[in-house]
């Protein structure tokens, strides 16, 4: 007797064959939607570039990033170099004279400043700028070489990377004598003041009231043998950077305080190191949107899997065109997110776009399936979008969390579809019935 029950009926084979082709085509649609998502991501990059151009434009009119270097003393000294020439007629000497520039750096540099943050509105963007009011003080110990023969043009120098940001007169006091710093004609950003020093007074103090505007970042160079920088501000989202981080810091909703202390032994030369703080928004809405797009294929995949499971259980078909429309609706979600985030906060924009997309897809599923499972699909769509939002907030555990959630979803699908293939006994009973 032949065992015909091991082979499913021909009609059943054809159903599974066409289902396989259909879901293979759904996979192709998913890949096409991934390509469309990249186009949306390009649009995000364009908006990000336009925002950066706007920030640069504001920096050109207000003042750009500031790096403060100084004060220090500079002087010229004539150096004589003797060169001996050898020849058959006898040796000869040639004396070359060259003027070189040397620097004397302070023993102590202490800056105590308050940063006032301001927001300038340009087009649809808010650009953070700042004003710094600071007391600069310290001491100089003058070396003997400063009073050697051939020394000339002793001047006090202070460098500000963007002189347009100075809004207070740069007047520095050496003990009781005051000097006004003026821009150098030779070096951009350099302020100088010729000074007269007394060789009988080798140690003196200095002080300066500093008023500087800038945007984006504020940096310092450790010109002192001991450099101490103390800053406070109402800005509550600073990003400390550079060669040295603060040894003390306190960041709260009301602002931040930070303190740096750098010794001469910590750096090779005063101009070889710099440190400070960024006062720009660390994560923009465009960075968040671009990050959410990276999870876009995952969201579309989860919605497609949910739709396939609903198809299999309710026996109500969703054709390829309808799958494409559902996928494009989810792609449009990210375009809505990009548009809304230009005018409201990213979190609110994400919620509004999620609700709009969920309501539209729920109505569409209801029209397709004409079954209460459409509401389940709509709810799952909203859950998947919220899951994507949570994943974006998790920087360290996002991969682990996503992998575990996908594993759980796969297990659920495996459980729900475990009885969908007819077993041998059911097939045998159907064959006997047909006979």
Protein backbone atom coordinates (compact mmCIF):
# COMPACT_ATOMS: atom_id res chain seq x y z
CA UNK A 1 0.00 0.00 0.00
CA UNK A 2 1.44 3.40 -0.95
CA UNK A 3 2.04 6.08 1.71
CA UNK A 4 0.35 8.98 -0.08
CA UNK A 5 -0.25 10.85 3.15
CA UNK A 6 3.37 12.13 3.31
CA UNK A 7 2.78 14.58 0.48
CA UNK A 8 0.41 17.54 0.99
CA UNK A 9 -2.39 17.97 -1.53
CA UNK A 10 -1.45 19.70 -4.76
CA UNK A 11 -3.65 22.73 -4.04
CA UNK A 12 -1.98 23.18 -0.70
CA UNK A 13 1.46 23.05 -2.31
CA UNK A 14 0.47 25.79 -4.75
CA UNK A 15 -0.83 28.00 -1.91
CA UNK A 16 2.44 27.76 -0.04
CA UNK A 17 4.40 28.33 -3.27
CA UNK A 18 2.53 31.54 -4.09
CA UNK A 19 2.76 32.68 -0.45
CA UNK A 20 6.53 32.20 -0.57
CA UNK A 21 6.76 34.31 -3.75
CA UNK A 22 4.56 36.98 -2.23
CA UNK A 23 6.62 37.35 0.93
CA UNK A 24 9.79 37.28 -1.13
CA UNK A 25 8.37 40.25 -3.02
CA UNK A 26 7.57 41.90 0.34
CA UNK A 27 11.25 41.54 1.21
CA UNK A 28 12.10 43.31 -2.06
CA UNK A 29 9.71 46.12 -1.12
CA UNK A 30 11.47 46.40 2.25
CA UNK A 31 14.83 46.85 0.48
CA UNK A 32 13.36 49.53 -1.78
CA UNK A 33 11.97 51.34 1.25
CA UNK A 34 15.45 51.25 2.82
CA UNK A 35 16.73 53.09 -0.28
CA UNK A 36 13.94 55.67 0.08
CA UNK A 37 14.91 56.15 3.75
CA UNK A 38 18.43 57.04 2.60
CA UNK A 39 16.96 59.80 0.44
CA UNK A 40 15.19 61.18 3.53
CA UNK A 41 18.49 60.97 5.40
CA UNK A 42 20.14 63.03 2.64
CA UNK A 43 17.48 65.67 3.23
CA UNK A 44 18.40 65.64 6.93
CA UNK A 45 22.05 66.23 5.99
CA UNK A 46 21.03 69.19 3.83
CA UNK A 47 19.10 70.74 6.71
CA UNK A 48 22.03 70.12 9.05
CA UNK A 49 24.37 71.81 6.58
CA UNK A 50 22.04 74.80 6.27
CA UNK A 51 21.90 75.09 10.08
CA UNK A 52 25.72 75.06 10.25
CA UNK A 53 25.87 77.79 7.59
CA UNK A 54 23.44 79.84 9.67
CA UNK A 55 25.59 79.37 12.77
CA UNK A 56 28.69 80.41 10.81
CA UNK A 57 26.86 83.48 9.54
CA UNK A 58 25.93 84.47 13.09
CA UNK A 59 29.53 83.87 14.13
CA UNK A 60 30.71 86.20 11.36
CA UNK A 61 28.50 89.02 12.67
CA UNK A 62 28.60 88.41 16.44
CA UNK A 63 31.99 86.75 16.95
CA UNK A 64 33.32 83.27 16.27
CA UNK A 65 34.97 80.70 18.55
CA UNK A 66 37.36 82.34 20.98
CA UNK A 67 40.80 81.14 22.10
CA UNK A 68 42.58 83.30 24.69
CA UNK A 69 46.38 83.26 24.94
CA UNK A 70 48.30 85.38 27.39
CA UNK A 71 49.45 87.63 28.74
CA UNK A 72 53.18 87.29 28.09
CA UNK A 73 56.20 89.50 27.48
CA UNK A 74 58.05 89.52 24.17
CA UNK A 75 61.34 91.12 23.29
CA UNK A 76 63.78 91.30 20.42
CA UNK A 77 67.43 90.42 20.82
CA UNK A 78 70.31 90.68 18.40
CA UNK A 79 72.14 87.38 18.05
CA UNK A 80 75.64 87.31 16.61
CA UNK A 81 76.73 84.15 14.85
CA UNK A 82 80.41 83.62 13.95
CA UNK A 83 81.23 81.44 10.96
CA UNK A 84 84.83 80.37 10.20
CA UNK A 85 85.72 79.82 6.52
CA UNK A 86 88.71 77.63 5.63
CA UNK A 87 90.81 78.16 2.46
CA UNK A 88 94.36 77.72 1.15
CA UNK A 89 95.03 81.40 1.55
CA UNK A 90 94.09 81.25 5.21
CA UNK A 91 91.08 81.18 7.51
CA UNK A 92 88.57 83.98 7.65
CA UNK A 93 85.72 84.85 10.02
CA UNK A 94 82.24 86.01 9.05
CA UNK A 95 79.95 87.52 11.65
CA UNK A 96 76.19 87.34 10.97
CA UNK A 97 73.77 89.46 12.91
CA UNK A 98 70.16 88.30 13.34
CA UNK A 99 67.30 89.68 15.40
CA UNK A 100 65.19 87.00 17.10
CA UNK A 101 62.00 87.20 19.15
CA UNK A 102 61.84 85.65 22.64
CA UNK A 103 59.01 85.31 25.15
CA UNK A 104 58.71 85.45 28.93
CA UNK A 105 55.66 83.77 30.38
CA UNK A 106 54.03 84.57 33.73
CA UNK A 107 54.69 82.54 36.84
CA UNK A 108 51.01 82.64 37.72
CA UNK A 109 47.94 83.07 35.52
CA UNK A 110 44.58 83.21 37.22
CA UNK A 111 41.35 83.76 35.26
CA UNK A 112 38.01 84.00 37.07
CA UNK A 113 35.14 84.42 34.63
CA UNK A 114 31.38 84.43 34.27
CA UNK A 115 29.83 83.29 30.98
CA UNK A 116 26.47 84.74 30.05
CA UNK A 117 24.71 82.67 27.39
CA UNK A 118 22.46 84.31 24.82
CA UNK A 119 20.24 82.94 22.06
CA UNK A 120 20.05 84.68 18.69
CA UNK A 121 17.21 83.75 16.33
CA UNK A 122 18.08 83.50 12.65
CA UNK A 123 15.61 82.05 10.11
CA UNK A 124 14.16 78.97 11.86
CA UNK A 125 17.23 78.37 14.01
CA UNK A 126 18.30 79.42 17.48
CA UNK A 127 22.05 80.00 17.72
CA UNK A 128 23.82 80.02 21.09
CA UNK A 129 26.34 82.81 21.67
CA UNK A 130 27.98 84.07 24.85
CA UNK A 131 29.63 86.97 26.61
CA UNK A 132 32.55 86.47 29.00
CA UNK A 133 33.39 88.88 31.79
CA UNK A 134 36.58 87.84 33.54
CA UNK A 135 39.26 89.04 35.92
CA UNK A 136 42.76 88.11 34.73
CA UNK A 137 45.61 88.42 37.20
CA UNK A 138 48.95 86.89 38.13
CA UNK A 139 52.65 87.58 38.56
CA UNK A 140 55.78 87.85 36.46
CA UNK A 141 59.30 87.02 37.61
CA UNK A 142 61.70 88.58 35.14
CA UNK A 143 64.85 86.67 34.12
CA UNK A 144 68.29 88.29 33.84
CA UNK A 145 68.38 87.75 30.07
CA UNK A 146 65.65 90.36 29.68
CA UNK A 147 68.17 93.05 30.69
CA UNK A 148 71.16 91.84 28.69
CA UNK A 149 72.76 94.03 25.97
CA UNK A 150 71.03 93.84 22.59
CA UNK A 151 67.52 93.50 24.05
CA UNK A 152 64.96 95.88 22.54
CA UNK A 153 61.26 96.37 21.88
CA UNK A 154 59.94 94.85 25.08
CA UNK A 155 56.16 94.60 24.82
CA UNK A 156 53.27 93.00 26.59
CA UNK A 157 51.13 90.75 24.36
CA UNK A 158 47.72 89.12 24.66
CA UNK A 159 46.13 87.09 21.87
CA UNK A 160 42.39 86.88 21.15
CA UNK A 161 41.47 84.70 18.17
CA UNK A 162 38.64 87.01 17.04
CA UNK A 163 39.19 90.66 17.94
CA UNK A 164 35.63 91.56 16.91
CA UNK A 165 34.43 89.97 20.13
CA UNK A 166 36.15 92.49 22.44
CA UNK A 167 33.59 94.79 24.01
CA UNK A 168 35.67 96.29 26.87
CA UNK A 169 38.90 98.33 26.59
CA UNK A 170 41.93 96.07 27.03
CA UNK A 171 43.82 97.90 29.77
CA UNK A 172 46.36 95.89 31.75
CA UNK A 173 48.01 97.03 34.96
CA UNK A 174 51.61 96.12 35.80
CA UNK A 175 51.72 96.89 39.51
CA UNK A 176 50.48 100.50 39.44
CA UNK A 177 51.28 101.31 35.80
CA UNK A 178 48.50 100.87 33.23
CA UNK A 179 48.98 100.02 29.55
CA UNK A 180 46.33 99.87 26.84
CA UNK A 181 46.65 96.96 24.43
CA UNK A 182 46.21 97.70 20.72
CA UNK A 183 46.00 95.41 17.68
CA UNK A 184 49.29 94.42 16.07
CA UNK A 185 49.79 95.35 12.44
CA UNK A 186 51.80 92.20 11.78
CA UNK A 187 49.92 89.36 13.47
CA UNK A 188 46.16 88.84 13.32
CA UNK A 189 44.45 88.59 16.69
CA UNK A 190 47.49 89.85 18.61
CA UNK A 191 47.20 92.77 21.03
CA UNK A 192 50.39 94.55 22.10
CA UNK A 193 51.51 97.34 24.39
CA UNK A 194 55.16 98.57 24.63
CA UNK A 195 56.29 98.54 28.27
CA UNK A 196 59.20 99.92 30.25
CA UNK A 197 60.66 97.60 32.87
CA UNK A 198 62.81 98.38 35.86
CA UNK A 199 65.69 95.95 36.32
CA UNK A 200 65.53 96.65 40.05
CA UNK A 201 61.98 95.34 40.14
CA UNK A 202 62.21 91.76 38.91
CA UNK A 203 58.84 90.63 40.29
CA UNK A 204 55.52 92.37 39.77
CA UNK A 205 51.83 91.58 39.50
CA UNK A 206 49.44 92.24 36.65
CA UNK A 207 45.67 92.50 36.30
CA UNK A 208 43.21 92.89 33.44
CA UNK A 209 39.43 93.23 33.12
CA UNK A 210 38.37 91.10 30.16
CA UNK A 211 35.12 91.47 28.19
CA UNK A 212 34.86 89.06 25.24
CA UNK A 213 31.99 87.89 23.01
CA UNK A 214 32.01 84.60 21.15
CA UNK A 215 30.01 81.67 19.85
CA UNK A 216 30.19 77.90 20.05
CA UNK A 217 33.32 77.48 22.19
CA UNK A 218 35.68 79.24 24.61
CA UNK A 219 39.27 77.97 24.88
CA UNK A 220 42.34 78.91 26.92
CA UNK A 221 46.07 78.28 26.61
CA UNK A 222 48.08 77.61 29.76
CA UNK A 223 50.58 80.47 29.59
CA UNK A 224 51.46 80.47 33.28
CA UNK A 225 53.85 78.20 35.12
CA UNK A 226 50.72 77.67 37.19
CA UNK A 227 47.50 78.34 35.25
CA UNK A 228 44.18 78.41 37.11
CA UNK A 229 40.88 78.91 35.25
CA UNK A 230 37.58 79.22 37.08
CA UNK A 231 34.33 79.58 35.10
CA UNK A 232 30.66 79.73 35.98
CA UNK A 233 27.62 80.04 33.73
CA UNK A 234 23.86 79.59 33.57
CA UNK A 235 24.31 77.25 30.59
CA UNK A 236 23.28 73.77 31.75
CA UNK A 237 24.62 71.57 28.98
CA UNK A 238 28.36 72.26 28.59
CA UNK A 239 30.82 69.99 26.80
CA UNK A 240 34.32 70.23 28.27
CA UNK A 241 37.08 69.51 25.79
CA UNK A 242 40.75 70.01 24.98
CA UNK A 243 44.00 68.69 26.40
CA UNK A 244 42.86 69.10 30.01
CA UNK A 245 39.48 68.48 31.65
CA UNK A 246 38.35 70.39 34.76
CA UNK A 247 39.64 68.96 38.02
CA UNK A 248 36.42 70.20 39.60
CA UNK A 249 33.04 70.61 37.95
CA UNK A 250 29.40 70.92 38.90
CA UNK A 251 26.67 70.77 36.25
CA UNK A 252 23.00 71.21 37.17
CA UNK A 253 19.79 72.56 35.66
CA UNK A 254 20.76 76.02 36.88
CA UNK A 255 24.14 76.04 35.11
CA UNK A 256 27.70 74.90 35.64
CA UNK A 257 30.92 75.74 37.43
CA UNK A 258 34.33 74.39 36.40
CA UNK A 259 37.91 74.75 37.60
CA UNK A 260 41.13 73.88 35.74
CA UNK A 261 44.65 73.90 37.10
CA UNK A 262 47.55 73.26 34.73
CA UNK A 263 51.21 73.26 35.73
CA UNK A 264 54.26 74.00 33.59
CA UNK A 265 55.31 70.38 33.90
CA UNK A 266 51.98 69.26 32.34
CA UNK A 267 52.72 70.74 28.90
CA UNK A 268 55.75 71.03 26.64
CA UNK A 269 55.12 74.69 25.76
CA UNK A 270 52.34 77.21 26.44
CA UNK A 271 51.11 77.13 22.83
CA UNK A 272 51.15 73.33 22.59
CA UNK A 273 47.99 72.83 24.64
CA UNK A 274 44.53 74.30 25.00
CA UNK A 275 41.36 73.49 26.89
CA UNK A 276 37.92 74.90 27.48
CA UNK A 277 34.22 74.35 26.94
CA UNK A 278 31.71 74.06 24.11
CA UNK A 279 28.49 76.03 24.58
CA UNK A 280 26.57 74.61 21.63
CA UNK A 281 23.67 72.19 21.72
CA UNK A 282 25.45 68.79 21.83
CA UNK A 283 22.70 66.85 20.03
CA UNK A 284 20.58 68.70 17.47
CA UNK A 285 17.17 67.69 16.16
CA UNK A 286 18.84 66.68 12.89
CA UNK A 287 21.22 64.32 14.65
CA UNK A 288 18.27 62.76 16.48
CA UNK A 289 16.27 62.46 13.25
CA UNK A 290 19.21 60.87 11.46
CA UNK A 291 19.61 58.44 14.35
CA UNK A 292 15.92 57.53 14.24
CA UNK A 293 16.13 56.85 10.48
CA UNK A 294 18.74 54.20 11.22
CA UNK A 295 16.00 52.31 13.05
CA UNK A 296 13.52 52.93 10.22
CA UNK A 297 14.04 49.59 8.46
CA UNK A 298 13.57 47.81 11.79
CA UNK A 299 10.24 49.56 12.38
CA UNK A 300 9.01 48.76 8.86
CA UNK A 301 10.14 45.14 9.24
CA UNK A 302 8.27 44.75 12.52
CA UNK A 303 5.08 46.24 11.05
CA UNK A 304 5.35 43.95 8.00
CA UNK A 305 5.86 40.90 10.25
CA UNK A 306 2.82 41.86 12.31
CA UNK A 307 0.77 42.27 9.11
CA UNK A 308 1.91 38.86 7.81
CA UNK A 309 0.93 37.15 11.07
CA UNK A 310 -2.49 38.86 10.97
CA UNK A 311 -2.87 37.69 7.36
CA UNK A 312 -2.12 34.09 8.27
CA UNK A 313 -4.49 33.98 11.23
CA UNK A 314 -7.42 35.96 9.84
CA UNK A 315 -7.13 34.62 6.25
CA UNK A 316 -7.61 38.21 5.06
CA UNK A 317 -5.11 39.08 2.37
CA UNK A 318 -2.95 42.20 2.03
CA UNK A 319 -1.61 42.57 -1.49
CA UNK A 320 1.84 43.81 -2.51
CA UNK A 321 0.65 47.30 -3.42
CA UNK A 322 -0.90 47.68 0.02
CA UNK A 323 2.34 46.56 1.66
CA UNK A 324 4.15 49.22 -0.37
CA UNK A 325 1.64 51.89 0.73
CA UNK A 326 2.10 50.89 4.38
CA UNK A 327 5.89 51.08 4.00
CA UNK A 328 5.75 54.48 2.30
CA UNK A 329 3.51 55.75 5.11
CA UNK A 330 6.19 54.77 7.60
CA UNK A 331 8.87 56.47 5.48
CA UNK A 332 6.69 59.59 5.41
CA UNK A 333 6.71 59.47 9.22
CA UNK A 334 10.41 60.41 9.19
CA UNK A 335 9.80 63.27 6.78
CA UNK A 336 7.06 64.55 9.11
CA UNK A 337 9.45 64.19 12.02
CA UNK A 338 12.08 66.25 10.20
CA UNK A 339 9.56 68.97 9.34
CA UNK A 340 7.99 69.27 12.80
CA UNK A 341 11.35 69.24 14.62
CA UNK A 342 12.27 72.54 12.93
CA UNK A 343 9.54 74.27 14.95
CA UNK A 344 8.97 72.22 18.12
CA UNK A 345 11.17 70.06 20.33
CA UNK A 346 12.23 66.68 18.97
CA UNK A 347 10.24 64.72 21.55
CA UNK A 348 7.00 66.54 20.76
CA UNK A 349 7.68 66.26 17.02
CA UNK A 350 8.19 62.51 17.35
CA UNK A 351 4.94 62.10 19.29
CA UNK A 352 2.89 64.19 16.83
CA UNK A 353 4.30 62.36 13.80
CA UNK A 354 3.74 58.97 15.51
CA UNK A 355 0.10 59.71 16.31
CA UNK A 356 -0.59 61.02 12.79
CA UNK A 357 1.04 57.98 11.15
CA UNK A 358 -0.66 55.51 13.51
CA UNK A 359 -4.14 56.96 12.94
CA UNK A 360 -3.68 56.97 9.17
CA UNK A 361 -2.42 53.37 9.08
CA UNK A 362 -5.13 52.13 11.47
CA UNK A 363 -7.81 53.54 9.15
CA UNK A 364 -6.02 51.99 6.17
CA UNK A 365 -5.75 48.57 7.86
CA UNK A 366 -9.44 48.78 8.73
CA UNK A 367 -10.32 49.44 5.10
CA UNK A 368 -8.12 46.56 3.90
CA UNK A 369 -8.92 43.86 6.44
CA UNK A 370 -12.46 44.90 7.49
CA UNK A 371 -11.66 43.15 10.74
CA UNK A 372 -10.97 44.19 14.33
CA UNK A 373 -7.36 43.01 13.93
CA UNK A 374 -6.78 46.35 12.15
CA UNK A 375 -6.83 48.06 15.55
CA UNK A 376 -4.24 45.59 16.81
CA UNK A 377 -1.98 46.43 13.85
CA UNK A 378 -2.41 50.15 14.53
CA UNK A 379 -1.53 49.66 18.19
CA UNK A 380 1.53 47.60 17.28
CA UNK A 381 2.66 50.30 14.83
CA UNK A 382 2.54 52.89 17.61
CA UNK A 383 4.39 50.55 19.99
CA UNK A 384 7.11 49.90 17.41
CA UNK A 385 7.59 53.63 16.83
CA UNK A 386 7.84 54.24 20.59
CA UNK A 387 10.28 51.35 20.87
CA UNK A 388 12.43 53.05 18.25
CA UNK A 389 12.32 56.30 20.26
CA UNK A 390 13.44 54.50 23.42
CA UNK A 391 16.27 52.83 21.50
CA UNK A 392 17.54 56.25 20.39
CA UNK A 393 17.79 57.42 24.00
CA UNK A 394 19.88 54.40 24.97
CA UNK A 395 23.45 54.91 23.79
CA UNK A 396 25.20 52.11 25.68
CA UNK A 397 22.59 49.33 25.73
CA UNK A 398 20.73 50.04 22.48
CA UNK A 399 22.25 47.09 20.57
CA UNK A 400 21.69 44.64 23.43
CA UNK A 401 18.12 45.84 23.99
CA UNK A 402 17.27 45.70 20.29
CA UNK A 403 18.72 42.20 19.93
CA UNK A 404 16.75 40.90 22.91
CA UNK A 405 13.49 42.46 21.72
CA UNK A 406 13.95 40.99 18.23
CA UNK A 407 14.65 37.59 19.77
CA UNK A 408 11.46 37.77 21.84
CA UNK A 409 9.43 38.81 18.78
CA UNK A 410 10.91 35.92 16.80
CA UNK A 411 9.99 33.48 19.58
CA UNK A 412 6.43 34.82 19.62
CA UNK A 413 6.12 34.41 15.84
CA UNK A 414 7.55 30.89 16.06
CA UNK A 415 4.99 30.01 18.74
CA UNK A 416 2.05 31.47 16.83
CA UNK A 417 2.98 29.76 13.56
CA UNK A 418 3.97 26.37 14.99
CA UNK A 419 0.71 24.65 13.88
CA UNK A 420 0.29 26.29 10.51
CA UNK A 421 1.85 23.39 8.52
CA UNK A 422 -0.51 20.37 8.42
CA UNK A 423 0.93 17.31 10.17
CA UNK A 424 0.93 13.79 8.69
CA UNK A 425 -2.10 12.62 10.65
CA UNK A 426 -4.27 15.53 9.52
CA UNK A 427 -3.16 15.00 5.93
CA UNK A 428 -3.94 11.26 6.09
CA UNK A 429 -7.41 11.94 7.47
CA UNK A 430 -8.13 14.44 4.67
CA UNK A 431 -6.98 11.94 2.04
CA UNK A 432 -9.15 9.18 3.50
CA UNK A 433 -12.11 11.56 3.57
CA UNK A 434 -11.60 12.44 -0.08
CA UNK A 435 -11.53 8.78 -0.98
